[in-house]
Amino acid sequence: MDYWRQSDLVPPDDLDFQVTIAGVGGIGSPVALALAKMGCRRITLYDPDFVEPHNLPNQMYRLRDVGRPKVEALADMLRDFATVEVQPIQEALSEQRLTGVVISGVDSMASRESIWKGSVRYRASVPLYVDARMGAQVCRVLTVRPADPDDIRRYEGTLYSDSEATEDPCTAQAIIYTTLGVASLVANQVKRYALAEPCDPDLIFDYVTLSLLSGGEVNVG
């Protein structure tokens, strides 16, 4: 692939680190595609689920992917779109030993807490953790240095139980422009990390009001 049109934005060699994505549905599938096309070369995918018909409108999967494991279908797609080494693992991420950048795209707070406590918190081998969350027309991206005490306290203040979460009606839970929006925010944070630029610890974009809220900057890398 020829990346010359973006070479002054992020040289591909600066993206040569491991990226792990937990959950490859409405958040993780567009994030994986964005990172692969941006130039990330080594991506591992975790998700136990299969592609279902209701996934097609707001996730990256194709009609012919219905019934396939999500990680396998997405891995094939990434290889078609970019020069990338993809490892699909059809299981949930919880207590695996990880290195590099870790991105959470799971759809429950219980899964987020399990990933954070089991695979990320206090891990010096994980220099950057990005927790992407999404409602119908709102997306939130939290960026954390997992070994930094201040980041740990700040991030754990955003965790709560699933019973406390606002639940949208089944027919108003996701739409494609929100999934594409959250992918662009995550990809930008990964680019900032790659270039040792300040990352924003808490980004919220609301498509109803077309407003972006920022929680400041944290130096990572």
N, C-alpha and C. Protein backbone atom coordinates (compact mmCIF):
# COMPACT_ATOMS: atom_id res chain seq x y z
N MET A 1 0.84 -1.20 0.00
CA MET A 1 0.00 0.00 0.00
C MET A 1 0.87 1.25 0.00
N ASP A 2 0.40 2.27 -0.64
CA ASP A 2 1.13 3.52 -0.76
C ASP A 2 0.46 4.57 0.14
N TYR A 3 1.14 4.98 1.20
CA TYR A 3 0.57 5.89 2.20
C TYR A 3 1.06 7.33 2.02
N TRP A 4 1.53 7.69 0.81
CA TRP A 4 2.17 9.00 0.67
C TRP A 4 1.23 10.15 0.96
N ARG A 5 -0.10 9.98 0.74
CA ARG A 5 -1.04 11.08 0.98
C ARG A 5 -1.19 11.40 2.47
N GLN A 6 -0.77 10.48 3.33
CA GLN A 6 -0.86 10.76 4.77
C GLN A 6 0.50 10.75 5.44
N SER A 7 1.56 10.66 4.66
CA SER A 7 2.89 10.46 5.25
C SER A 7 3.33 11.61 6.16
N ASP A 8 2.81 12.82 5.94
CA ASP A 8 3.14 13.93 6.83
C ASP A 8 2.19 14.00 8.03
N LEU A 9 1.16 13.18 8.02
CA LEU A 9 0.22 13.12 9.15
C LEU A 9 0.62 12.02 10.13
N VAL A 10 0.90 10.83 9.61
CA VAL A 10 1.40 9.75 10.44
C VAL A 10 2.14 8.76 9.54
N PRO A 11 3.46 8.74 9.59
CA PRO A 11 4.23 7.78 8.79
C PRO A 11 3.88 6.35 9.19
N PRO A 12 3.70 5.44 8.24
CA PRO A 12 3.32 4.06 8.57
C PRO A 12 4.27 3.38 9.56
N ASP A 13 5.58 3.68 9.48
CA ASP A 13 6.52 3.04 10.40
C ASP A 13 6.23 3.39 11.85
N ASP A 14 5.61 4.54 12.10
CA ASP A 14 5.28 4.93 13.46
C ASP A 14 4.10 4.14 14.02
N LEU A 15 3.40 3.40 13.18
CA LEU A 15 2.23 2.63 13.61
C LEU A 15 2.56 1.14 13.74
N ASP A 16 3.84 0.81 13.73
CA ASP A 16 4.24 -0.60 13.79
C ASP A 16 4.31 -1.08 15.23
N PHE A 17 3.13 -1.18 15.87
CA PHE A 17 3.03 -1.73 17.22
C PHE A 17 1.76 -2.58 17.29
N GLN A 18 1.72 -3.42 18.31
CA GLN A 18 0.58 -4.32 18.47
C GLN A 18 -0.67 -3.54 18.90
N VAL A 19 -1.80 -3.86 18.26
CA VAL A 19 -3.09 -3.31 18.65
C VAL A 19 -4.04 -4.47 18.92
N THR A 20 -4.69 -4.45 20.06
CA THR A 20 -5.68 -5.47 20.42
C THR A 20 -7.03 -4.80 20.55
N ILE A 21 -8.04 -5.36 19.88
CA ILE A 21 -9.40 -4.82 19.94
C ILE A 21 -10.32 -5.85 20.58
N ALA A 22 -10.95 -5.48 21.67
CA ALA A 22 -11.89 -6.35 22.37
C ALA A 22 -13.31 -5.96 22.00
N GLY A 23 -14.01 -6.85 21.33
CA GLY A 23 -15.36 -6.56 20.87
C GLY A 23 -15.32 -5.97 19.48
N VAL A 24 -15.87 -6.68 18.49
CA VAL A 24 -15.77 -6.21 17.10
C VAL A 24 -17.16 -6.06 16.49
N GLY A 25 -18.04 -5.41 17.26
CA GLY A 25 -19.38 -5.12 16.77
C GLY A 25 -19.47 -3.70 16.25
N GLY A 26 -20.45 -2.94 16.78
CA GLY A 26 -20.71 -1.59 16.29
C GLY A 26 -19.58 -0.63 16.54
N ILE A 27 -18.74 -0.89 17.54
CA ILE A 27 -17.57 -0.05 17.78
C ILE A 27 -16.32 -0.69 17.18
N GLY A 28 -16.06 -1.92 17.52
CA GLY A 28 -14.80 -2.55 17.16
C GLY A 28 -14.61 -2.81 15.68
N SER A 29 -15.68 -3.11 14.94
CA SER A 29 -15.48 -3.42 13.52
C SER A 29 -15.07 -2.18 12.72
N PRO A 30 -15.72 -1.01 12.88
CA PRO A 30 -15.22 0.16 12.15
C PRO A 30 -13.88 0.65 12.68
N VAL A 31 -13.61 0.48 13.98
CA VAL A 31 -12.31 0.86 14.52
C VAL A 31 -11.20 0.03 13.87
N ALA A 32 -11.41 -1.27 13.77
CA ALA A 32 -10.41 -2.15 13.17
C ALA A 32 -10.14 -1.76 11.72
N LEU A 33 -11.20 -1.48 10.98
CA LEU A 33 -11.04 -1.09 9.58
C LEU A 33 -10.30 0.24 9.46
N ALA A 34 -10.65 1.20 10.31
CA ALA A 34 -9.99 2.51 10.27
C ALA A 34 -8.50 2.37 10.58
N LEU A 35 -8.17 1.58 11.60
CA LEU A 35 -6.76 1.43 11.98
C LEU A 35 -5.97 0.70 10.92
N ALA A 36 -6.56 -0.34 10.33
CA ALA A 36 -5.87 -1.09 9.28
C ALA A 36 -5.59 -0.20 8.08
N LYS A 37 -6.57 0.59 7.66
CA LYS A 37 -6.37 1.46 6.51
C LYS A 37 -5.46 2.63 6.84
N MET A 38 -5.39 3.01 8.11
CA MET A 38 -4.48 4.08 8.51
C MET A 38 -3.03 3.61 8.49
N GLY A 39 -2.82 2.29 8.66
CA GLY A 39 -1.47 1.77 8.59
C GLY A 39 -1.04 0.89 9.75
N CYS A 40 -1.91 0.64 10.72
CA CYS A 40 -1.57 -0.29 11.80
C CYS A 40 -1.40 -1.69 11.20
N ARG A 41 -0.29 -2.33 11.49
CA ARG A 41 0.09 -3.55 10.79
C ARG A 41 -0.21 -4.83 11.56
N ARG A 42 -0.35 -4.71 12.88
CA ARG A 42 -0.54 -5.92 13.70
C ARG A 42 -1.76 -5.73 14.59
N ILE A 43 -2.83 -6.45 14.27
CA ILE A 43 -4.10 -6.28 14.97
C ILE A 43 -4.61 -7.65 15.43
N THR A 44 -4.96 -7.73 16.71
CA THR A 44 -5.59 -8.93 17.26
C THR A 44 -7.04 -8.60 17.62
N LEU A 45 -7.96 -9.48 17.24
CA LEU A 45 -9.39 -9.27 17.44
C LEU A 45 -9.93 -10.30 18.43
N TYR A 46 -10.66 -9.84 19.44
CA TYR A 46 -11.34 -10.72 20.40
C TYR A 46 -12.84 -10.50 20.33
N ASP A 47 -13.60 -11.56 20.14
CA ASP A 47 -15.06 -11.48 20.23
C ASP A 47 -15.61 -12.90 20.09
N PRO A 48 -16.53 -13.32 20.96
CA PRO A 48 -17.07 -14.67 20.88
C PRO A 48 -18.28 -14.80 19.95
N ASP A 49 -18.79 -13.70 19.42
CA ASP A 49 -20.09 -13.70 18.75
C ASP A 49 -20.02 -14.00 17.26
N PHE A 50 -21.21 -14.30 16.72
CA PHE A 50 -21.39 -14.54 15.30
C PHE A 50 -22.14 -13.36 14.67
N VAL A 51 -21.96 -13.18 13.37
CA VAL A 51 -22.67 -12.12 12.66
C VAL A 51 -24.14 -12.49 12.50
N GLU A 52 -25.03 -11.58 12.90
CA GLU A 52 -26.46 -11.78 12.77
C GLU A 52 -27.05 -10.71 11.85
N PRO A 53 -28.23 -10.96 11.27
CA PRO A 53 -28.80 -9.99 10.32
C PRO A 53 -28.95 -8.59 10.90
N HIS A 54 -29.29 -8.48 12.21
CA HIS A 54 -29.48 -7.15 12.76
C HIS A 54 -28.17 -6.39 12.97
N ASN A 55 -27.03 -7.10 12.79
CA ASN A 55 -25.73 -6.41 12.89
C ASN A 55 -25.38 -5.64 11.62
N LEU A 56 -25.97 -5.99 10.50
CA LEU A 56 -25.51 -5.47 9.21
C LEU A 56 -25.69 -3.96 9.03
N PRO A 57 -26.79 -3.34 9.48
CA PRO A 57 -26.94 -1.91 9.22
C PRO A 57 -25.92 -1.02 9.91
N ASN A 58 -25.43 -1.41 11.08
CA ASN A 58 -24.57 -0.49 11.84
C ASN A 58 -23.19 -1.05 12.13
N GLN A 59 -22.85 -2.19 11.53
CA GLN A 59 -21.52 -2.75 11.69
C GLN A 59 -20.92 -2.98 10.31
N MET A 60 -19.66 -3.33 10.24
CA MET A 60 -18.96 -3.39 8.95
C MET A 60 -19.19 -4.68 8.18
N TYR A 61 -20.02 -5.56 8.67
CA TYR A 61 -20.15 -6.87 8.05
C TYR A 61 -21.01 -6.85 6.80
N ARG A 62 -20.76 -7.84 5.94
CA ARG A 62 -21.43 -7.96 4.66
C ARG A 62 -22.54 -9.00 4.74
N LEU A 63 -23.43 -8.98 3.77
CA LEU A 63 -24.53 -9.95 3.76
C LEU A 63 -24.01 -11.38 3.82
N ARG A 64 -22.93 -11.64 3.12
CA ARG A 64 -22.41 -13.01 3.08
C ARG A 64 -21.73 -13.42 4.38
N ASP A 65 -21.55 -12.49 5.31
CA ASP A 65 -20.91 -12.82 6.58
C ASP A 65 -21.89 -13.37 7.62
N VAL A 66 -23.18 -13.27 7.38
CA VAL A 66 -24.17 -13.73 8.36
C VAL A 66 -23.92 -15.20 8.70
N GLY A 67 -23.85 -15.48 10.00
CA GLY A 67 -23.61 -16.84 10.47
C GLY A 67 -22.15 -17.14 10.75
N ARG A 68 -21.24 -16.29 10.29
CA ARG A 68 -19.81 -16.52 10.53
C ARG A 68 -19.39 -15.90 11.86
N PRO A 69 -18.32 -16.42 12.47
CA PRO A 69 -17.76 -15.73 13.64
C PRO A 69 -17.34 -14.31 13.24
N LYS A 70 -17.66 -13.35 14.06
CA LYS A 70 -17.33 -11.96 13.73
C LYS A 70 -15.84 -11.76 13.51
N VAL A 71 -15.01 -12.36 14.37
CA VAL A 71 -13.57 -12.12 14.25
C VAL A 71 -13.02 -12.66 12.94
N GLU A 72 -13.55 -13.79 12.47
CA GLU A 72 -13.06 -14.37 11.21
C GLU A 72 -13.52 -13.54 10.02
N ALA A 73 -14.78 -13.12 10.03
CA ALA A 73 -15.28 -12.30 8.93
C ALA A 73 -14.53 -10.98 8.86
N LEU A 74 -14.29 -10.36 10.02
CA LEU A 74 -13.60 -9.07 10.04
C LEU A 74 -12.13 -9.24 9.63
N ALA A 75 -11.50 -10.31 10.07
CA ALA A 75 -10.10 -10.55 9.70
C ALA A 75 -9.97 -10.68 8.19
N ASP A 76 -10.88 -11.41 7.55
CA ASP A 76 -10.84 -11.53 6.09
C ASP A 76 -11.01 -10.17 5.43
N MET A 77 -11.90 -9.36 5.97
CA MET A 77 -12.15 -8.05 5.40
C MET A 77 -10.92 -7.15 5.52
N LEU A 78 -10.27 -7.16 6.67
CA LEU A 78 -9.09 -6.34 6.87
C LEU A 78 -7.99 -6.73 5.89
N ARG A 79 -7.83 -8.02 5.66
CA ARG A 79 -6.80 -8.48 4.72
C ARG A 79 -7.11 -8.05 3.30
N ASP A 80 -8.39 -7.92 2.98
CA ASP A 80 -8.78 -7.43 1.65
C ASP A 80 -8.49 -5.94 1.49
N PHE A 81 -8.56 -5.20 2.58
CA PHE A 81 -8.44 -3.75 2.52
C PHE A 81 -7.02 -3.22 2.75
N ALA A 82 -6.18 -3.99 3.44
CA ALA A 82 -4.89 -3.43 3.85
C ALA A 82 -3.85 -4.54 4.00
N THR A 83 -2.60 -4.13 4.07
CA THR A 83 -1.51 -5.04 4.36
C THR A 83 -1.36 -5.12 5.87
N VAL A 84 -1.90 -6.16 6.45
CA VAL A 84 -2.00 -6.23 7.90
C VAL A 84 -1.94 -7.68 8.36
N GLU A 85 -1.29 -7.91 9.51
CA GLU A 85 -1.30 -9.22 10.15
C GLU A 85 -2.45 -9.22 11.16
N VAL A 86 -3.43 -10.08 10.96
CA VAL A 86 -4.60 -10.12 11.82
C VAL A 86 -4.69 -11.46 12.53
N GLN A 87 -4.90 -11.41 13.83
CA GLN A 87 -5.11 -12.64 14.60
C GLN A 87 -6.53 -12.62 15.16
N PRO A 88 -7.44 -13.42 14.60
CA PRO A 88 -8.80 -13.48 15.13
C PRO A 88 -8.91 -14.52 16.25
N ILE A 89 -9.43 -14.11 17.39
CA ILE A 89 -9.60 -15.01 18.53
C ILE A 89 -11.06 -14.98 18.94
N GLN A 90 -11.75 -16.09 18.77
CA GLN A 90 -13.19 -16.12 19.03
C GLN A 90 -13.47 -16.43 20.50
N GLU A 91 -13.14 -15.47 21.32
CA GLU A 91 -13.45 -15.54 22.74
C GLU A 91 -13.45 -14.13 23.30
N ALA A 92 -14.03 -13.99 24.48
CA ALA A 92 -14.06 -12.68 25.12
C ALA A 92 -12.70 -12.39 25.75
N LEU A 93 -12.32 -11.13 25.73
CA LEU A 93 -11.10 -10.71 26.41
C LEU A 93 -11.41 -10.46 27.87
N SER A 94 -10.66 -11.09 28.76
CA SER A 94 -10.91 -10.87 30.19
C SER A 94 -9.62 -10.84 30.99
N GLU A 95 -8.82 -11.92 30.94
CA GLU A 95 -7.62 -11.97 31.77
C GLU A 95 -6.39 -12.39 30.96
N GLN A 96 -6.38 -12.09 29.68
CA GLN A 96 -5.23 -12.42 28.85
C GLN A 96 -4.09 -11.43 29.09
N ARG A 97 -2.87 -11.90 28.89
CA ARG A 97 -1.69 -11.03 29.02
C ARG A 97 -1.49 -10.32 27.68
N LEU A 98 -1.47 -9.00 27.71
CA LEU A 98 -1.45 -8.21 26.49
C LEU A 98 -0.25 -7.29 26.45
N THR A 99 0.08 -6.87 25.24
CA THR A 99 1.10 -5.84 25.03
C THR A 99 0.57 -4.85 24.01
N GLY A 100 1.12 -3.65 24.03
CA GLY A 100 0.75 -2.65 23.04
C GLY A 100 -0.53 -1.93 23.38
N VAL A 101 -1.14 -1.35 22.36
CA VAL A 101 -2.37 -0.57 22.53
C VAL A 101 -3.56 -1.52 22.62
N VAL A 102 -4.43 -1.28 23.60
CA VAL A 102 -5.65 -2.08 23.78
C VAL A 102 -6.86 -1.17 23.63
N ILE A 103 -7.82 -1.62 22.83
CA ILE A 103 -9.04 -0.84 22.59
C ILE A 103 -10.24 -1.68 22.97
N SER A 104 -11.09 -1.11 23.80
CA SER A 104 -12.32 -1.79 24.20
C SER A 104 -13.49 -1.28 23.38
N GLY A 105 -14.18 -2.22 22.71
CA GLY A 105 -15.40 -1.87 21.98
C GLY A 105 -16.55 -2.75 22.42
N VAL A 106 -16.52 -3.21 23.67
CA VAL A 106 -17.56 -4.12 24.17
C VAL A 106 -18.83 -3.34 24.48
N ASP A 107 -19.92 -4.08 24.69
CA ASP A 107 -21.22 -3.43 24.82
C ASP A 107 -21.85 -3.54 26.20
N SER A 108 -21.03 -3.81 27.22
CA SER A 108 -21.57 -3.82 28.58
C SER A 108 -20.53 -3.28 29.54
N MET A 109 -20.99 -2.68 30.63
CA MET A 109 -20.08 -2.15 31.63
C MET A 109 -19.38 -3.29 32.37
N ALA A 110 -20.06 -4.42 32.53
CA ALA A 110 -19.44 -5.56 33.20
C ALA A 110 -18.24 -6.06 32.40
N SER A 111 -18.36 -6.09 31.08
CA SER A 111 -17.24 -6.52 30.24
C SER A 111 -16.10 -5.51 30.31
N ARG A 112 -16.43 -4.22 30.33
CA ARG A 112 -15.39 -3.20 30.45
C ARG A 112 -14.60 -3.37 31.75
N GLU A 113 -15.31 -3.58 32.83
CA GLU A 113 -14.63 -3.73 34.11
C GLU A 113 -13.76 -4.98 34.14
N SER A 114 -14.25 -6.06 33.50
CA SER A 114 -13.48 -7.29 33.45
C SER A 114 -12.20 -7.11 32.65
N ILE A 115 -12.28 -6.44 31.51
CA ILE A 115 -11.09 -6.18 30.71
C ILE A 115 -10.11 -5.29 31.47
N TRP A 116 -10.63 -4.25 32.08
CA TRP A 116 -9.79 -3.29 32.80
C TRP A 116 -9.04 -3.97 33.95
N LYS A 117 -9.74 -4.71 34.78
CA LYS A 117 -9.11 -5.31 35.95
C LYS A 117 -8.29 -6.55 35.61
N GLY A 118 -8.74 -7.29 34.57
CA GLY A 118 -8.07 -8.55 34.26
C GLY A 118 -6.91 -8.45 33.30
N SER A 119 -6.92 -7.45 32.40
CA SER A 119 -5.92 -7.42 31.34
C SER A 119 -5.19 -6.10 31.17
N VAL A 120 -5.63 -5.02 31.83
CA VAL A 120 -5.09 -3.71 31.51
C VAL A 120 -4.52 -2.97 32.71
N ARG A 121 -5.26 -2.87 33.80
CA ARG A 121 -4.84 -2.04 34.93
C ARG A 121 -3.49 -2.46 35.49
N TYR A 122 -2.62 -1.48 35.70
CA TYR A 122 -1.27 -1.66 36.24
C TYR A 122 -0.31 -2.37 35.28
N ARG A 123 -0.71 -2.60 34.04
CA ARG A 123 0.14 -3.33 33.10
C ARG A 123 1.07 -2.35 32.36
N ALA A 124 2.34 -2.39 32.69
CA ALA A 124 3.30 -1.53 32.01
C ALA A 124 3.45 -1.94 30.54
N SER A 125 3.11 -3.18 30.22
CA SER A 125 3.21 -3.65 28.83
C SER A 125 2.10 -3.08 27.95
N VAL A 126 1.10 -2.42 28.57
CA VAL A 126 0.02 -1.78 27.82
C VAL A 126 0.16 -0.27 28.04
N PRO A 127 0.83 0.44 27.14
CA PRO A 127 1.06 1.87 27.35
C PRO A 127 -0.17 2.73 27.10
N LEU A 128 -1.16 2.19 26.37
CA LEU A 128 -2.35 2.98 26.03
C LEU A 128 -3.57 2.08 26.02
N TYR A 129 -4.62 2.54 26.70
CA TYR A 129 -5.92 1.85 26.70
C TYR A 129 -6.97 2.84 26.27
N VAL A 130 -7.75 2.47 25.26
CA VAL A 130 -8.82 3.32 24.76
C VAL A 130 -10.15 2.59 24.96
N ASP A 131 -11.02 3.17 25.75
CA ASP A 131 -12.34 2.60 26.01
C ASP A 131 -13.37 3.42 25.24
N ALA A 132 -13.92 2.83 24.19
CA ALA A 132 -14.91 3.52 23.36
C ALA A 132 -16.31 3.05 23.74
N ARG A 133 -17.21 4.01 23.93
CA ARG A 133 -18.59 3.71 24.32
C ARG A 133 -19.53 4.41 23.36
N MET A 134 -20.71 3.84 23.18
CA MET A 134 -21.62 4.39 22.19
C MET A 134 -23.07 4.16 22.59
N GLY A 135 -23.87 5.22 22.45
CA GLY A 135 -25.31 5.10 22.53
C GLY A 135 -25.87 5.32 21.14
N ALA A 136 -27.14 5.58 21.03
CA ALA A 136 -27.75 5.73 19.71
C ALA A 136 -27.08 6.82 18.89
N GLN A 137 -26.94 8.03 19.46
CA GLN A 137 -26.36 9.15 18.72
C GLN A 137 -25.29 9.88 19.53
N VAL A 138 -24.72 9.17 20.48
CA VAL A 138 -23.66 9.75 21.31
C VAL A 138 -22.52 8.75 21.40
N CYS A 139 -21.29 9.23 21.24
CA CYS A 139 -20.15 8.35 21.45
C CYS A 139 -19.18 9.01 22.42
N ARG A 140 -18.49 8.17 23.19
CA ARG A 140 -17.54 8.63 24.19
C ARG A 140 -16.26 7.82 24.06
N VAL A 141 -15.12 8.48 24.10
CA VAL A 141 -13.83 7.82 23.98
C VAL A 141 -12.96 8.24 25.16
N LEU A 142 -12.61 7.28 26.00
CA LEU A 142 -11.76 7.50 27.15
C LEU A 142 -10.38 6.93 26.87
N THR A 143 -9.34 7.73 27.08
CA THR A 143 -7.97 7.31 26.80
C THR A 143 -7.17 7.31 28.10
N VAL A 144 -6.50 6.20 28.36
CA VAL A 144 -5.91 5.96 29.68
C VAL A 144 -4.49 5.42 29.55
N ARG A 145 -3.60 5.87 30.45
CA ARG A 145 -2.31 5.24 30.65
C ARG A 145 -2.49 4.27 31.81
N PRO A 146 -2.54 2.96 31.55
CA PRO A 146 -2.95 2.00 32.58
C PRO A 146 -2.03 1.89 33.79
N ALA A 147 -0.80 2.38 33.71
CA ALA A 147 0.10 2.31 34.86
C ALA A 147 0.21 3.62 35.60
N ASP A 148 -0.54 4.62 35.18
CA ASP A 148 -0.47 5.94 35.81
C ASP A 148 -1.54 6.07 36.89
N PRO A 149 -1.17 6.34 38.15
CA PRO A 149 -2.16 6.38 39.24
C PRO A 149 -3.26 7.41 39.01
N ASP A 150 -2.93 8.58 38.47
CA ASP A 150 -3.96 9.59 38.22
C ASP A 150 -4.94 9.13 37.16
N ASP A 151 -4.42 8.51 36.10
CA ASP A 151 -5.30 8.01 35.05
C ASP A 151 -6.19 6.88 35.58
N ILE A 152 -5.62 6.04 36.43
CA ILE A 152 -6.40 4.94 36.99
C ILE A 152 -7.57 5.48 37.80
N ARG A 153 -7.31 6.45 38.67
CA ARG A 153 -8.38 7.02 39.48
C ARG A 153 -9.43 7.70 38.60
N ARG A 154 -8.97 8.44 37.61
CA ARG A 154 -9.91 9.13 36.73
C ARG A 154 -10.78 8.14 35.97
N TYR A 155 -10.15 7.11 35.41
CA TYR A 155 -10.91 6.15 34.61
C TYR A 155 -11.89 5.35 35.48
N GLU A 156 -11.45 4.91 36.64
CA GLU A 156 -12.34 4.10 37.47
C GLU A 156 -13.53 4.89 37.96
N GLY A 157 -13.43 6.21 37.93
CA GLY A 157 -14.59 7.04 38.24
C GLY A 157 -15.66 7.02 37.16
N THR A 158 -15.32 6.48 35.97
CA THR A 158 -16.29 6.38 34.88
C THR A 158 -16.95 5.01 34.79
N LEU A 159 -16.57 4.11 35.67
CA LEU A 159 -17.15 2.77 35.67
C LEU A 159 -18.38 2.72 36.57
N TYR A 160 -19.38 2.01 36.15
CA TYR A 160 -20.61 1.85 36.92
C TYR A 160 -21.26 0.55 36.48
N SER A 161 -22.30 0.15 37.17
CA SER A 161 -22.94 -1.13 36.85
C SER A 161 -23.85 -0.99 35.63
N ASP A 162 -24.14 -2.11 35.00
CA ASP A 162 -25.04 -2.10 33.85
C ASP A 162 -26.45 -1.67 34.25
N SER A 163 -26.83 -1.92 35.50
CA SER A 163 -28.16 -1.51 35.94
C SER A 163 -28.30 0.01 36.03
N GLU A 164 -27.16 0.71 36.14
CA GLU A 164 -27.17 2.16 36.20
C GLU A 164 -27.11 2.81 34.82
N ALA A 165 -26.82 2.02 33.80
CA ALA A 165 -26.66 2.57 32.46
C ALA A 165 -28.01 2.94 31.87
N THR A 166 -28.02 4.01 31.07
CA THR A 166 -29.22 4.40 30.34
C THR A 166 -29.42 3.45 29.18
N GLU A 167 -30.59 2.86 29.09
CA GLU A 167 -30.85 1.88 28.04
C GLU A 167 -31.80 2.47 26.99
N ASP A 168 -31.33 2.53 25.75
CA ASP A 168 -32.16 3.02 24.66
C ASP A 168 -33.13 1.94 24.23
N PRO A 169 -34.27 2.32 23.63
CA PRO A 169 -35.19 1.31 23.08
C PRO A 169 -34.47 0.42 22.06
N CYS A 170 -34.93 -0.81 21.91
CA CYS A 170 -34.27 -1.75 21.01
C CYS A 170 -34.17 -1.21 19.59
N THR A 171 -35.13 -0.38 19.19
CA THR A 171 -35.13 0.15 17.83
C THR A 171 -34.40 1.49 17.70
N ALA A 172 -33.70 1.90 18.75
CA ALA A 172 -32.97 3.18 18.71
C ALA A 172 -31.64 3.05 19.43
N GLN A 173 -30.92 1.95 19.17
CA GLN A 173 -29.67 1.71 19.89
C GLN A 173 -28.42 2.02 19.09
N ALA A 174 -28.50 2.00 17.76
CA ALA A 174 -27.29 2.20 16.97
C ALA A 174 -27.65 2.62 15.56
N ILE A 175 -26.76 3.43 14.97
CA ILE A 175 -26.92 3.84 13.58
C ILE A 175 -25.53 4.09 13.00
N ILE A 176 -25.37 3.89 11.71
CA ILE A 176 -24.04 3.80 11.12
C ILE A 176 -23.21 5.07 11.31
N TYR A 177 -23.81 6.26 11.28
CA TYR A 177 -22.96 7.44 11.38
C TYR A 177 -22.35 7.58 12.77
N THR A 178 -22.99 7.04 13.79
CA THR A 178 -22.38 7.07 15.12
C THR A 178 -21.22 6.08 15.20
N THR A 179 -21.37 4.91 14.59
CA THR A 179 -20.28 3.93 14.62
C THR A 179 -19.07 4.45 13.84
N LEU A 180 -19.30 5.11 12.72
CA LEU A 180 -18.18 5.67 11.96
C LEU A 180 -17.53 6.82 12.72
N GLY A 181 -18.34 7.59 13.44
CA GLY A 181 -17.80 8.70 14.22
C GLY A 181 -16.92 8.23 15.34
N VAL A 182 -17.33 7.22 16.07
CA VAL A 182 -16.51 6.73 17.18
C VAL A 182 -15.21 6.13 16.65
N ALA A 183 -15.27 5.49 15.48
CA ALA A 183 -14.05 4.93 14.89
C ALA A 183 -13.04 6.02 14.55
N SER A 184 -13.54 7.15 14.04
CA SER A 184 -12.62 8.23 13.69
C SER A 184 -11.97 8.82 14.94
N LEU A 185 -12.72 8.95 16.03
CA LEU A 185 -12.15 9.48 17.27
C LEU A 185 -11.08 8.54 17.83
N VAL A 186 -11.35 7.24 17.81
CA VAL A 186 -10.38 6.26 18.31
C VAL A 186 -9.12 6.28 17.45
N ALA A 187 -9.29 6.27 16.13
CA ALA A 187 -8.14 6.26 15.23
C ALA A 187 -7.27 7.50 15.45
N ASN A 188 -7.90 8.65 15.70
CA ASN A 188 -7.14 9.86 15.95
C ASN A 188 -6.34 9.76 17.24
N GLN A 189 -6.91 9.15 18.27
CA GLN A 189 -6.18 8.98 19.53
C GLN A 189 -4.98 8.06 19.33
N VAL A 190 -5.16 6.99 18.54
CA VAL A 190 -4.05 6.07 18.28
C VAL A 190 -2.96 6.79 17.49
N LYS A 191 -3.34 7.60 16.52
CA LYS A 191 -2.37 8.39 15.76
C LYS A 191 -1.61 9.32 16.69
N ARG A 192 -2.30 9.98 17.62
CA ARG A 192 -1.64 10.88 18.56
C ARG A 192 -0.65 10.12 19.44
N TYR A 193 -1.05 8.94 19.89
CA TYR A 193 -0.13 8.13 20.69
C TYR A 193 1.11 7.78 19.87
N ALA A 194 0.92 7.39 18.62
CA ALA A 194 2.04 6.97 17.77
C ALA A 194 3.06 8.09 17.59
N LEU A 195 2.60 9.33 17.56
CA LEU A 195 3.47 10.47 17.35
C LEU A 195 3.85 11.16 18.66
N ALA A 196 3.52 10.54 19.80
CA ALA A 196 3.81 11.12 21.12
C ALA A 196 3.18 12.50 21.27
N GLU A 197 1.99 12.67 20.69
CA GLU A 197 1.23 13.90 20.84
C GLU A 197 0.27 13.76 22.02
N PRO A 198 -0.17 14.86 22.63
CA PRO A 198 -1.13 14.76 23.73
C PRO A 198 -2.43 14.11 23.27
N CYS A 199 -2.93 13.20 24.08
CA CYS A 199 -4.23 12.57 23.84
C CYS A 199 -5.27 13.19 24.76
N ASP A 200 -6.49 13.26 24.29
CA ASP A 200 -7.58 13.77 25.13
C ASP A 200 -8.11 12.63 25.99
N PRO A 201 -8.15 12.79 27.30
CA PRO A 201 -8.57 11.68 28.17
C PRO A 201 -10.06 11.35 28.08
N ASP A 202 -10.88 12.30 27.62
CA ASP A 202 -12.33 12.06 27.62
C ASP A 202 -12.99 12.90 26.53
N LEU A 203 -13.40 12.24 25.47
CA LEU A 203 -14.07 12.90 24.35
C LEU A 203 -15.51 12.42 24.28
N ILE A 204 -16.43 13.34 24.13
CA ILE A 204 -17.84 12.99 23.95
C ILE A 204 -18.36 13.75 22.74
N PHE A 205 -18.90 13.02 21.78
CA PHE A 205 -19.52 13.68 20.63
C PHE A 205 -21.00 13.31 20.59
N ASP A 206 -21.84 14.35 20.49
CA ASP A 206 -23.30 14.19 20.49
C ASP A 206 -23.81 14.58 19.10
N TYR A 207 -24.35 13.61 18.38
CA TYR A 207 -24.86 13.89 17.04
C TYR A 207 -26.20 14.60 17.05
N VAL A 208 -26.88 14.61 18.17
CA VAL A 208 -28.16 15.34 18.25
C VAL A 208 -27.89 16.84 18.27
N THR A 209 -26.93 17.25 19.10
CA THR A 209 -26.60 18.68 19.21
C THR A 209 -25.39 19.07 18.37
N LEU A 210 -24.75 18.07 17.74
CA LEU A 210 -23.51 18.30 16.97
C LEU A 210 -22.47 19.03 17.82
N SER A 211 -22.27 18.52 19.03
CA SER A 211 -21.32 19.13 19.95
C SER A 211 -20.25 18.14 20.37
N LEU A 212 -19.02 18.65 20.52
CA LEU A 212 -17.90 17.85 20.97
C LEU A 212 -17.42 18.40 22.31
N LEU A 213 -17.41 17.54 23.32
CA LEU A 213 -16.92 17.93 24.63
C LEU A 213 -15.58 17.27 24.85
N SER A 214 -14.62 18.04 25.37
CA SER A 214 -13.28 17.55 25.59
C SER A 214 -12.92 17.63 27.06
N GLY A 215 -12.20 16.60 27.53
CA GLY A 215 -11.82 16.57 28.94
C GLY A 215 -10.38 17.00 29.19
N GLY A 216 -9.78 17.69 28.23
CA GLY A 216 -8.40 18.13 28.42
C GLY A 216 -7.43 17.23 27.68
N GLU A 217 -6.14 17.35 28.00
CA GLU A 217 -5.11 16.58 27.31
C GLU A 217 -4.22 15.87 28.31
N VAL A 218 -3.77 14.66 27.90
CA VAL A 218 -2.83 13.88 28.69
C VAL A 218 -1.71 13.45 27.76
N ASN A 219 -0.47 13.62 28.17
CA ASN A 219 0.66 13.19 27.35
C ASN A 219 0.86 11.69 27.50
N VAL A 220 0.88 11.00 26.38
CA VAL A 220 1.13 9.56 26.39
C VAL A 220 2.24 9.25 25.42
N GLY A 221 2.91 8.13 25.64
CA GLY A 221 3.99 7.76 24.75
C GLY A 221 5.34 8.24 25.27
